[in-house]
Amino acid sequence: MNAYNELENHVHEQLSRRNFLSKPSLGLGAAAMASLLGCDAALSGSSVTTGAAPALTGDLSLGKPHFAPKAKRVIYLFQSGAPSQLELFDYKPKLEAMWGQDLPESVRQGQRLTGMTAGQSKFPLAASAYKFDRYGNNAMWISELMPHTARIVDEVTFIRSMHTEAINHDPAITFFQTGSQQGGRPSWGSWVSYGLGSDNQNLPSFVVLLSKGKPGDQPLYAKLWSNGFLPSIHQGVVFRSGPDPVFYLNNPEGIDTSSRRRMLNSLAKLQQAQFEKILDPEISYRMAQYEMAYRMQTAVPETMDISGEPDYIFDLYGEDSRQPGTFAANCLLARKLIEKDVKFVQLYHQGWDQHGNLPRDIQTMAKSVDQASAALILDLKQRGLLDETLVVWGGEFGRGAYSQGKLTRDNYGRDHHPKSFTIWMAGAGVKKGLVYGETDDFGYNVVKDPVHVHDFQATVMHLLGIDHEQLIFKHQGRRYRLTDVHGHVVKPLLA
């Protein structure tokens, strides 16, 4: 008996609740399928998204925006570990004037602290060891650590009033990437993939790049780019430097392309037989992944090859861009990926967790990202891609105004600070040369135009043509969305 018949007999003998519901009538089977897909509208064929997601398209996504988008794709340069806004973008001369004095209780207001500083009896204020100056048409304050970023400020919107709820790295990063502090929810890129589908059937719609950061820094976990309860085809795919960019993508020894094609064709027949019996949509999703992997065998090596880039591009991104796996090289790859119509490119760069030796370590980190971040904006602009690509730069929270531990002029550290921090955005649909929001004289509390993580998520989704309140997936009887039950679009940020 061949494998196909064996599987047929095995599936036929199974009596699950799913296939029981599928047999009494076609109507019940359709209802079960719609429930599994999480799509109420699948029964009627409606594409209206009033409280429910529309029917899935052939590529297992919703396939179209709710309204005309301003951005077609996103590059998210995530700075893992939380860069200090006080050393980079949020100039506070008051900290210099009050150097070494205790942070006033009227400013701290009993806010939650981490276990690393909760036991301190004093909270000595620490001014930045680095100078700031004004740049651009709107004379925006930028640190001397970011000279290349200073040159592109007229393309950038700085949000200085970001705030979040989590005070430790893992829940804070998870919150930014999935809308929840607990793992298990779909990542941001997966939501975008599910909502908009792909414009390139040979590459994933959601790609993750991990750059070489500071050794021993806060770890990153696959839950940050997981599809969660969304169909598995929307999971982020990690592209790595080296000869094997995607694990297990290449054919094993002794298997050629024609053999792989025959194997997939046979497997598709087996999977179709199983699907018809138990109506588990994950079978279809898994087959879609197999087919995508087959197409990626040609598309990925071509996309990941930067050897053909001209010298002036490497000069623009910096010498590190010639070294695979660096932040600069990954910025260059991000540009190549969006040229291939990848919807969401998530670049993670580790090394910003500076509780001590901050003046020295932040200088190293700033140097590793400054030129390449600015180069990405300039490169996209010169290719006519910036008007349809949104670039985001920032970490999971900020850093406090006081020193963690001993304070000296050339050495201090800063603890986690979720109540105020800075990120920046550039590109499609975003106002240029804008500083939005304001913190107090200590950079400790937001005093004007606060922007919560969910507000930021809602705004980015809006730029992609997605109404964050309508992009919904029903799971275990509840309707979920990226922003949960929160978030509003920050309209002053929009061009």
Protein backbone atom coordinates (compact mmCIF):
# COMPACT_ATOMS: atom_id res chain seq x y z
CA MET A 1 0.00 0.00 0.00
CA ASN A 2 1.48 3.38 -0.96
CA ALA A 3 1.84 6.34 1.38
CA TYR A 4 -1.12 8.13 -0.15
CA ASN A 5 -3.51 5.24 0.57
CA GLU A 6 -2.11 4.80 4.05
CA LEU A 7 -2.81 8.43 4.83
CA GLU A 8 -6.30 8.15 3.32
CA ASN A 9 -7.13 5.20 5.56
CA HIS A 10 -5.65 6.88 8.62
CA VAL A 11 -7.62 10.08 8.09
CA HIS A 12 -10.81 8.14 7.32
CA GLU A 13 -10.57 6.29 10.65
CA GLN A 14 -10.20 9.48 12.66
CA LEU A 15 -13.38 10.86 14.22
CA SER A 16 -12.72 14.34 15.46
CA ARG A 17 -15.19 17.04 16.34
CA ARG A 18 -14.08 18.94 13.26
CA ASN A 19 -14.80 16.23 10.72
CA PHE A 20 -18.03 15.30 12.52
CA LEU A 21 -19.28 18.84 12.02
CA SER A 22 -18.10 18.81 8.43
CA LYS A 23 -20.15 15.78 7.38
CA PRO A 24 -23.83 16.44 8.27
CA SER A 25 -24.19 19.17 5.68
CA LEU A 26 -22.22 21.51 3.51
CA GLY A 27 -23.58 24.39 5.52
CA LEU A 28 -22.16 23.08 8.77
CA GLY A 29 -18.85 22.43 7.06
CA ALA A 30 -18.73 25.98 5.78
CA ALA A 31 -19.60 27.30 9.22
CA ALA A 32 -16.80 25.27 10.77
CA MET A 33 -14.35 26.52 8.18
CA ALA A 34 -15.35 30.13 8.77
CA SER A 35 -14.94 29.68 12.51
CA LEU A 36 -11.49 28.16 12.09
CA LEU A 37 -10.45 31.02 9.87
CA GLY A 38 -11.74 33.55 12.33
CA CYS A 39 -13.73 35.23 9.58
CA ASP A 40 -17.41 35.84 10.12
CA ALA A 41 -17.66 37.46 6.73
CA ALA A 42 -16.43 34.28 5.03
CA LEU A 43 -19.96 32.90 5.10
CA SER A 44 -21.44 35.76 3.16
CA GLY A 45 -18.43 36.56 1.02
CA SER A 46 -18.56 40.11 2.34
CA SER A 47 -15.43 42.24 2.39
CA VAL A 48 -16.87 44.75 4.84
CA THR A 49 -14.93 44.99 8.09
CA THR A 50 -17.53 46.28 10.51
CA GLY A 51 -16.42 44.44 13.64
CA ALA A 52 -15.16 41.44 11.67
CA ALA A 53 -12.44 40.59 9.20
CA PRO A 54 -13.38 40.05 5.56
CA ALA A 55 -13.02 36.74 3.77
CA LEU A 56 -9.50 35.57 3.11
CA THR A 57 -8.03 35.79 -0.35
CA GLY A 58 -6.14 33.08 -2.14
CA ASP A 59 -2.85 34.13 -0.54
CA LEU A 60 -4.32 33.62 2.96
CA SER A 61 -4.49 37.32 3.82
CA LEU A 62 -7.18 39.96 3.75
CA GLY A 63 -5.39 41.35 0.75
CA LYS A 64 -6.29 45.03 0.68
CA PRO A 65 -6.22 48.14 2.88
CA HIS A 66 -9.31 49.73 4.40
CA PHE A 67 -8.53 53.03 2.68
CA ALA A 68 -5.90 54.54 0.41
CA PRO A 69 -2.51 54.10 2.10
CA LYS A 70 0.26 56.67 2.26
CA ALA A 71 2.90 54.01 2.94
CA LYS A 72 3.27 50.75 1.05
CA ARG A 73 5.85 49.21 3.34
CA VAL A 74 7.74 49.63 6.62
CA ILE A 75 11.37 49.35 7.70
CA TYR A 76 11.56 49.22 11.51
CA LEU A 77 15.06 49.82 12.90
CA PHE A 78 14.51 48.54 16.43
CA GLN A 79 17.23 49.56 18.89
CA SER A 80 17.01 46.80 21.48
CA GLY A 81 18.06 47.67 25.02
CA ALA A 82 16.63 51.21 25.13
CA PRO A 83 18.85 54.06 23.86
CA SER A 84 19.14 57.01 26.23
CA GLN A 85 17.13 59.88 24.79
CA LEU A 86 19.05 62.25 27.09
CA GLU A 87 22.32 61.48 25.29
CA LEU A 88 20.86 61.49 21.78
CA PHE A 89 17.76 63.57 21.09
CA ASP A 90 16.22 65.23 24.17
CA TYR A 91 18.48 68.08 25.28
CA LYS A 92 18.08 69.04 28.95
CA PRO A 93 20.43 71.82 30.14
CA LYS A 94 18.66 71.76 33.52
CA LEU A 95 20.49 68.51 34.26
CA GLU A 96 23.81 70.31 33.89
CA ALA A 97 22.67 73.14 36.13
CA MET A 98 21.64 70.64 38.82
CA TRP A 99 24.47 68.16 38.29
CA GLY A 100 24.74 65.71 41.20
CA GLN A 101 21.70 67.06 43.04
CA ASP A 102 18.96 64.65 44.03
CA LEU A 103 16.04 64.24 41.63
CA PRO A 104 13.20 66.21 43.26
CA GLU A 105 10.45 64.03 44.68
CA SER A 106 7.95 66.36 43.02
CA VAL A 107 9.36 65.16 39.68
CA ARG A 108 9.71 61.47 40.50
CA GLN A 109 6.22 61.38 42.06
CA GLY A 110 6.76 57.94 43.51
CA GLN A 111 6.97 56.33 40.07
CA ARG A 112 7.86 52.68 39.84
CA LEU A 113 11.58 51.85 39.72
CA THR A 114 13.39 48.68 38.76
CA GLY A 115 15.05 46.52 41.39
CA MET A 116 18.39 47.90 40.24
CA THR A 117 17.76 51.41 41.60
CA ALA A 118 14.80 51.03 43.97
CA GLY A 119 17.26 50.60 46.85
CA GLN A 120 19.21 53.78 46.15
CA SER A 121 18.92 56.40 48.88
CA LYS A 122 19.85 59.18 46.46
CA PHE A 123 19.05 59.81 42.81
CA PRO A 124 21.83 62.17 41.62
CA LEU A 125 21.00 64.00 38.40
CA ALA A 126 23.36 63.32 35.50
CA ALA A 127 23.70 65.61 32.51
CA SER A 128 24.79 64.14 29.20
CA ALA A 129 28.53 63.87 28.71
CA TYR A 130 27.98 64.95 25.11
CA LYS A 131 27.18 68.29 23.55
CA PHE A 132 24.04 69.19 21.64
CA ASP A 133 23.52 71.64 18.80
CA ARG A 134 20.67 72.80 16.58
CA TYR A 135 20.19 71.46 13.06
CA GLY A 136 17.80 71.78 10.16
CA ASN A 137 15.21 74.32 9.16
CA ASN A 138 13.46 74.03 12.53
CA ALA A 139 16.66 74.19 14.60
CA MET A 140 16.18 70.80 16.28
CA TRP A 141 18.51 69.75 19.10
CA ILE A 142 20.65 66.73 18.20
CA SER A 143 23.62 65.25 20.06
CA GLU A 144 27.15 65.27 18.71
CA LEU A 145 26.91 61.46 18.87
CA MET A 146 24.57 61.51 15.85
CA PRO A 147 26.22 63.77 13.22
CA HIS A 148 24.78 61.89 10.24
CA THR A 149 21.28 61.87 11.69
CA ALA A 150 21.68 65.61 12.27
CA ARG A 151 22.06 66.07 8.51
CA ILE A 152 18.71 64.45 7.71
CA VAL A 153 16.56 66.08 10.41
CA ASP A 154 14.53 67.91 7.77
CA GLU A 155 13.26 64.50 6.64
CA VAL A 156 12.46 63.26 10.14
CA THR A 157 9.71 63.53 12.74
CA PHE A 158 10.91 63.11 16.32
CA ILE A 159 8.37 61.96 18.90
CA ARG A 160 9.82 63.04 22.25
CA SER A 161 6.74 62.13 24.26
CA MET A 162 6.60 58.37 23.87
CA HIS A 163 5.62 56.40 26.96
CA THR A 164 4.96 52.77 27.73
CA GLU A 165 3.76 50.54 30.56
CA ALA A 166 6.51 47.93 30.89
CA ILE A 167 9.65 48.72 32.88
CA ASN A 168 11.76 45.66 32.00
CA HIS A 169 13.18 44.72 28.63
CA ASP A 170 11.39 41.53 27.63
CA PRO A 171 7.82 42.67 28.35
CA ALA A 172 8.58 46.13 26.94
CA ILE A 173 9.95 44.81 23.64
CA THR A 174 7.13 42.28 23.42
CA PHE A 175 4.64 45.11 24.00
CA PHE A 176 6.06 47.17 21.14
CA GLN A 177 6.17 44.21 18.78
CA THR A 178 2.88 42.49 19.60
CA GLY A 179 0.70 44.95 21.53
CA SER A 180 0.88 42.79 24.66
CA GLN A 181 3.47 42.34 27.39
CA GLN A 182 2.89 38.58 27.37
CA GLY A 183 4.05 36.34 24.55
CA GLY A 184 1.71 34.47 22.24
CA ARG A 185 0.15 37.37 20.34
CA PRO A 186 0.89 37.98 16.66
CA SER A 187 3.74 40.34 15.95
CA TRP A 188 3.26 43.69 14.25
CA GLY A 189 4.73 42.48 10.96
CA SER A 190 2.41 39.47 11.02
CA TRP A 191 -0.62 41.73 11.42
CA VAL A 192 0.55 43.78 8.42
CA SER A 193 1.12 40.62 6.39
CA TYR A 194 -2.32 39.35 7.32
CA GLY A 195 -3.95 42.66 6.54
CA LEU A 196 -2.23 43.50 3.27
CA GLY A 197 -0.78 40.29 1.88
CA SER A 198 2.28 40.34 -0.34
CA ASP A 199 3.21 42.14 -3.54
CA ASN A 200 5.99 39.62 -4.23
CA GLN A 201 4.98 35.96 -4.25
CA ASN A 202 8.63 34.85 -4.21
CA LEU A 203 9.52 36.41 -0.87
CA PRO A 204 7.83 36.55 2.54
CA SER A 205 5.83 39.68 3.27
CA PHE A 206 7.51 39.93 6.70
CA VAL A 207 11.30 39.60 6.97
CA VAL A 208 13.47 39.87 10.10
CA LEU A 209 17.15 40.88 10.14
CA LEU A 210 19.27 40.44 13.28
CA SER A 211 22.44 42.52 13.37
CA LYS A 212 25.57 41.93 15.37
CA GLY A 213 25.27 43.91 18.58
CA LYS A 214 27.09 44.07 21.87
CA PRO A 215 27.87 40.55 23.17
CA GLY A 216 25.91 39.51 26.23
CA ASP A 217 23.17 42.08 25.81
CA GLN A 218 19.47 41.44 26.34
CA PRO A 219 18.38 38.40 24.27
CA LEU A 220 15.79 38.48 21.52
CA TYR A 221 13.24 35.71 21.15
CA ALA A 222 11.31 34.33 18.19
CA LYS A 223 8.04 35.37 19.86
CA LEU A 224 8.84 38.91 18.71
CA TRP A 225 8.26 37.94 15.08
CA SER A 226 5.80 35.11 15.68
CA ASN A 227 2.48 34.85 13.88
CA GLY A 228 0.81 33.96 17.21
CA PHE A 229 -2.71 32.78 16.44
CA LEU A 230 -2.68 34.16 12.88
CA PRO A 231 -2.10 31.70 10.01
CA SER A 232 1.50 30.52 10.07
CA ILE A 233 2.18 31.91 6.58
CA HIS A 234 2.36 35.35 8.26
CA GLN A 235 5.23 34.52 10.61
CA GLY A 236 8.35 36.64 10.24
CA VAL A 237 11.15 34.88 8.38
CA VAL A 238 14.67 35.50 9.68
CA PHE A 239 17.23 36.23 6.97
CA ARG A 240 20.81 35.69 8.10
CA SER A 241 24.14 36.68 6.64
CA GLY A 242 26.28 34.01 5.05
CA PRO A 243 25.81 31.31 2.40
CA ASP A 244 22.60 29.94 3.96
CA PRO A 245 20.40 33.03 4.60
CA VAL A 246 17.32 30.99 5.57
CA PHE A 247 17.77 27.77 7.50
CA TYR A 248 16.74 24.56 5.66
CA LEU A 249 15.82 26.50 2.52
CA ASN A 250 18.36 24.86 0.23
CA ASN A 251 17.80 21.38 -1.13
CA PRO A 252 19.66 18.65 0.75
CA GLU A 253 22.45 16.79 -0.97
CA GLY A 254 21.14 14.55 -3.74
CA ILE A 255 17.91 16.50 -4.26
CA ASP A 256 17.63 18.74 -7.32
CA THR A 257 14.95 21.26 -8.25
CA SER A 258 12.86 18.83 -10.32
CA SER A 259 12.92 16.25 -7.52
CA ARG A 260 11.81 18.90 -5.03
CA ARG A 261 8.96 19.90 -7.37
CA ARG A 262 7.73 16.31 -7.66
CA MET A 263 7.91 15.87 -3.90
CA LEU A 264 5.84 19.01 -3.30
CA ASN A 265 3.25 17.92 -5.85
CA SER A 266 2.85 14.55 -4.15
CA LEU A 267 2.75 16.13 -0.72
CA ALA A 268 0.08 18.57 -1.89
CA LYS A 269 -2.17 15.63 -2.85
CA LEU A 270 -1.73 14.04 0.56
CA GLN A 271 -2.35 17.30 2.35
CA GLN A 272 -5.44 18.00 0.25
CA ALA A 273 -6.87 14.63 1.20
CA GLN A 274 -6.26 15.35 4.86
CA PHE A 275 -7.74 18.83 4.59
CA GLU A 276 -10.93 17.53 2.99
CA LYS A 277 -11.39 15.15 5.90
CA ILE A 278 -10.67 17.38 8.89
CA LEU A 279 -10.95 20.92 7.52
CA ASP A 280 -7.96 22.24 9.43
CA PRO A 281 -6.91 25.45 7.63
CA GLU A 282 -3.38 25.13 9.01
CA ILE A 283 -2.85 22.36 6.44
CA SER A 284 -3.37 24.87 3.65
CA TYR A 285 -1.17 27.41 5.39
CA ARG A 286 1.63 24.91 5.76
CA MET A 287 1.46 23.97 2.10
CA ALA A 288 1.59 27.66 1.20
CA GLN A 289 4.79 27.87 3.22
CA TYR A 290 6.29 24.91 1.38
CA GLU A 291 5.50 26.53 -1.94
CA MET A 292 6.93 29.85 -0.77
CA ALA A 293 10.13 28.11 0.31
CA TYR A 294 10.41 26.55 -3.15
CA ARG A 295 10.15 29.95 -4.82
CA MET A 296 12.49 31.53 -2.28
CA GLN A 297 15.30 29.17 -3.31
CA THR A 298 15.89 31.44 -6.29
CA ALA A 299 14.72 34.79 -4.95
CA VAL A 300 16.56 34.86 -1.61
CA PRO A 301 20.18 34.39 -2.82
CA GLU A 302 19.66 37.09 -5.42
CA THR A 303 18.19 39.53 -2.90
CA MET A 304 20.81 38.87 -0.22
CA ASP A 305 23.74 39.35 -2.58
CA ILE A 306 25.12 42.88 -2.11
CA SER A 307 28.33 42.27 -4.03
CA GLY A 308 26.96 44.15 -7.03
CA GLU A 309 26.34 47.36 -5.13
CA PRO A 310 28.54 50.24 -6.37
CA ASP A 311 31.27 51.69 -4.19
CA TYR A 312 29.37 54.94 -3.64
CA ILE A 313 26.59 52.98 -1.90
CA PHE A 314 29.04 51.31 0.47
CA ASP A 315 30.60 54.72 1.10
CA LEU A 316 27.15 56.12 1.87
CA TYR A 317 26.28 53.40 4.41
CA GLY A 318 29.78 53.25 5.85
CA GLU A 319 32.61 50.74 5.82
CA ASP A 320 30.67 48.34 8.08
CA SER A 321 28.19 47.81 5.25
CA ARG A 322 30.72 45.56 3.53
CA GLN A 323 30.64 43.21 6.54
CA PRO A 324 27.62 40.86 6.48
CA GLY A 325 25.55 40.87 9.64
CA THR A 326 26.38 44.39 10.76
CA PHE A 327 23.68 47.02 11.27
CA ALA A 328 24.94 48.89 8.22
CA ALA A 329 24.86 45.81 6.00
CA ASN A 330 21.36 45.00 7.20
CA CYS A 331 20.17 48.54 6.46
CA LEU A 332 21.39 48.02 2.91
CA LEU A 333 19.61 44.67 2.77
CA ALA A 334 16.44 46.31 4.09
CA ARG A 335 16.51 48.68 1.14
CA LYS A 336 16.93 45.76 -1.26
CA LEU A 337 14.04 43.89 0.37
CA ILE A 338 11.60 46.76 0.04
CA GLU A 339 12.71 47.17 -3.57
CA LYS A 340 11.39 43.62 -3.93
CA ASP A 341 8.08 44.72 -2.36
CA VAL A 342 8.51 43.06 1.03
CA LYS A 343 5.86 44.71 3.21
CA PHE A 344 7.52 44.75 6.63
CA VAL A 345 11.25 44.58 7.34
CA GLN A 346 12.13 44.36 11.03
CA LEU A 347 15.77 45.02 11.88
CA TYR A 348 16.85 44.34 15.49
CA HIS A 349 20.08 45.86 16.79
CA GLN A 350 21.23 44.94 20.29
CA GLY A 351 23.58 46.68 22.70
CA TRP A 352 21.79 49.73 24.15
CA ASP A 353 21.32 48.49 27.74
CA GLN A 354 23.73 50.87 29.49
CA HIS A 355 23.30 50.74 33.26
CA GLY A 356 26.97 51.63 33.72
CA ASN A 357 29.79 53.02 31.59
CA LEU A 358 27.17 54.82 29.57
CA PRO A 359 29.35 57.61 28.10
CA ARG A 360 31.74 55.06 26.63
CA ASP A 361 29.24 52.42 25.52
CA ILE A 362 26.66 54.74 23.98
CA GLN A 363 29.38 56.32 21.87
CA THR A 364 30.16 52.90 20.42
CA MET A 365 26.51 52.12 19.79
CA ALA A 366 25.73 55.48 18.25
CA LYS A 367 28.67 55.11 15.87
CA SER A 368 27.40 51.67 14.82
CA VAL A 369 24.00 52.99 13.73
CA ASP A 370 24.20 56.71 12.96
CA GLN A 371 25.66 56.72 9.46
CA ALA A 372 23.72 53.71 8.20
CA SER A 373 20.38 54.97 9.56
CA ALA A 374 20.82 58.30 7.81
CA ALA A 375 22.14 56.59 4.68
CA LEU A 376 19.01 54.45 4.46
CA ILE A 377 16.86 57.59 4.37
CA LEU A 378 19.07 59.23 1.73
CA ASP A 379 19.27 56.06 -0.35
CA LEU A 380 15.51 55.57 -0.33
CA LYS A 381 15.01 59.20 -1.25
CA GLN A 382 17.40 59.13 -4.20
CA ARG A 383 15.62 56.05 -5.56
CA GLY A 384 12.16 57.58 -5.19
CA LEU A 385 11.22 55.02 -2.54
CA LEU A 386 11.01 57.22 0.56
CA ASP A 387 7.62 58.60 -0.46
CA GLU A 388 6.11 55.12 -0.18
CA THR A 389 8.24 53.63 2.61
CA LEU A 390 7.95 54.39 6.32
CA VAL A 391 11.16 54.13 8.36
CA VAL A 392 10.97 53.88 12.17
CA TRP A 393 13.91 54.17 14.61
CA GLY A 394 13.70 53.56 18.36
CA GLY A 395 13.80 51.22 21.35
CA GLU A 396 11.43 49.81 23.95
CA PHE A 397 11.63 52.60 26.56
CA GLY A 398 13.95 55.39 27.66
CA ARG A 399 16.52 56.13 30.36
CA GLY A 400 16.16 58.03 33.63
CA ALA A 401 17.61 61.43 34.46
CA TYR A 402 19.53 60.24 37.51
CA SER A 403 22.64 58.08 37.68
CA GLN A 404 22.44 54.43 38.56
CA GLY A 405 25.19 53.92 41.09
CA LYS A 406 28.23 56.16 41.40
CA LEU A 407 28.22 59.43 39.44
CA THR A 408 31.34 61.02 37.96
CA ARG A 409 31.77 63.38 35.04
CA ASP A 410 33.09 60.68 32.75
CA ASN A 411 31.23 57.66 34.08
CA TYR A 412 27.62 57.07 35.03
CA GLY A 413 24.72 54.81 34.10
CA ARG A 414 20.99 55.22 33.59
CA ASP A 415 18.21 52.85 34.61
CA HIS A 416 15.11 51.96 32.61
CA HIS A 417 12.53 54.72 32.25
CA PRO A 418 9.16 53.94 30.61
CA LYS A 419 7.49 57.31 31.28
CA SER A 420 9.22 59.29 28.53
CA PHE A 421 11.50 58.57 25.60
CA THR A 422 12.15 59.47 21.97
CA ILE A 423 11.73 57.68 18.67
CA TRP A 424 11.82 59.00 15.14
CA MET A 425 9.99 58.33 11.89
CA ALA A 426 10.65 59.33 8.29
CA GLY A 427 9.13 58.74 4.90
CA ALA A 428 5.68 58.05 3.56
CA GLY A 429 2.89 60.11 5.06
CA VAL A 430 4.93 61.64 7.89
CA LYS A 431 5.50 65.35 8.41
CA LYS A 432 9.08 66.41 7.83
CA GLY A 433 11.28 68.33 10.24
CA LEU A 434 8.83 68.03 13.14
CA VAL A 435 9.39 67.62 16.87
CA TYR A 436 6.22 66.30 18.48
CA GLY A 437 5.66 66.19 22.22
CA GLU A 438 7.67 67.57 25.09
CA THR A 439 9.12 66.39 28.38
CA ASP A 440 9.83 68.36 31.56
CA ASP A 441 13.16 70.02 32.33
CA PHE A 442 14.52 66.71 33.61
CA GLY A 443 13.33 64.58 30.67
CA TYR A 444 11.42 62.54 33.25
CA ASN A 445 7.73 63.20 32.57
CA VAL A 446 5.78 63.99 29.42
CA VAL A 447 4.25 67.45 29.71
CA LYS A 448 2.82 67.88 26.21
CA ASP A 449 1.23 65.63 23.58
CA PRO A 450 1.85 62.16 25.08
CA VAL A 451 2.05 59.23 22.65
CA HIS A 452 1.43 55.75 24.02
CA VAL A 453 2.76 52.61 22.33
CA HIS A 454 -0.75 51.73 21.14
CA ASP A 455 -1.16 55.24 19.70
CA PHE A 456 2.06 54.79 17.79
CA GLN A 457 0.95 51.38 16.49
CA ALA A 458 -2.41 52.79 15.42
CA THR A 459 -0.68 55.64 13.57
CA VAL A 460 1.68 53.38 11.64
CA MET A 461 -1.22 51.10 10.68
CA HIS A 462 -3.17 54.15 9.53
CA LEU A 463 -0.29 55.15 7.25
CA LEU A 464 -0.50 51.68 5.70
CA GLY A 465 -4.20 52.17 5.00
CA ILE A 466 -5.32 49.96 7.88
CA ASP A 467 -7.92 50.95 10.44
CA HIS A 468 -6.46 49.41 13.58
CA GLU A 469 -9.92 49.03 15.10
CA GLN A 470 -11.11 46.98 12.13
CA LEU A 471 -8.14 44.66 11.56
CA ILE A 472 -9.46 41.86 13.75
CA PHE A 473 -8.89 38.14 14.12
CA LYS A 474 -11.24 35.96 16.13
CA HIS A 475 -9.40 33.48 18.36
CA GLN A 476 -10.85 31.29 21.09
CA GLY A 477 -14.09 33.23 21.03
CA ARG A 478 -12.54 36.68 21.35
CA ARG A 479 -11.82 39.31 18.73
CA TYR A 480 -8.18 40.42 18.87
CA ARG A 481 -6.31 43.27 17.25
CA LEU A 482 -2.75 44.62 17.49
CA THR A 483 -3.78 47.56 19.67
CA ASP A 484 -6.17 45.45 21.78
CA VAL A 485 -8.88 47.89 22.97
CA HIS A 486 -6.63 50.96 23.00
CA GLY A 487 -4.87 53.41 20.73
CA HIS A 488 -5.74 56.39 18.58
CA VAL A 489 -4.14 57.80 15.44
CA VAL A 490 -1.86 60.76 16.21
CA LYS A 491 -3.03 62.98 13.37
CA PRO A 492 -0.56 65.87 13.92
CA LEU A 493 2.20 63.47 12.81
CA LEU A 494 0.58 62.95 9.41
CA ALA A 495 1.57 64.96 6.38
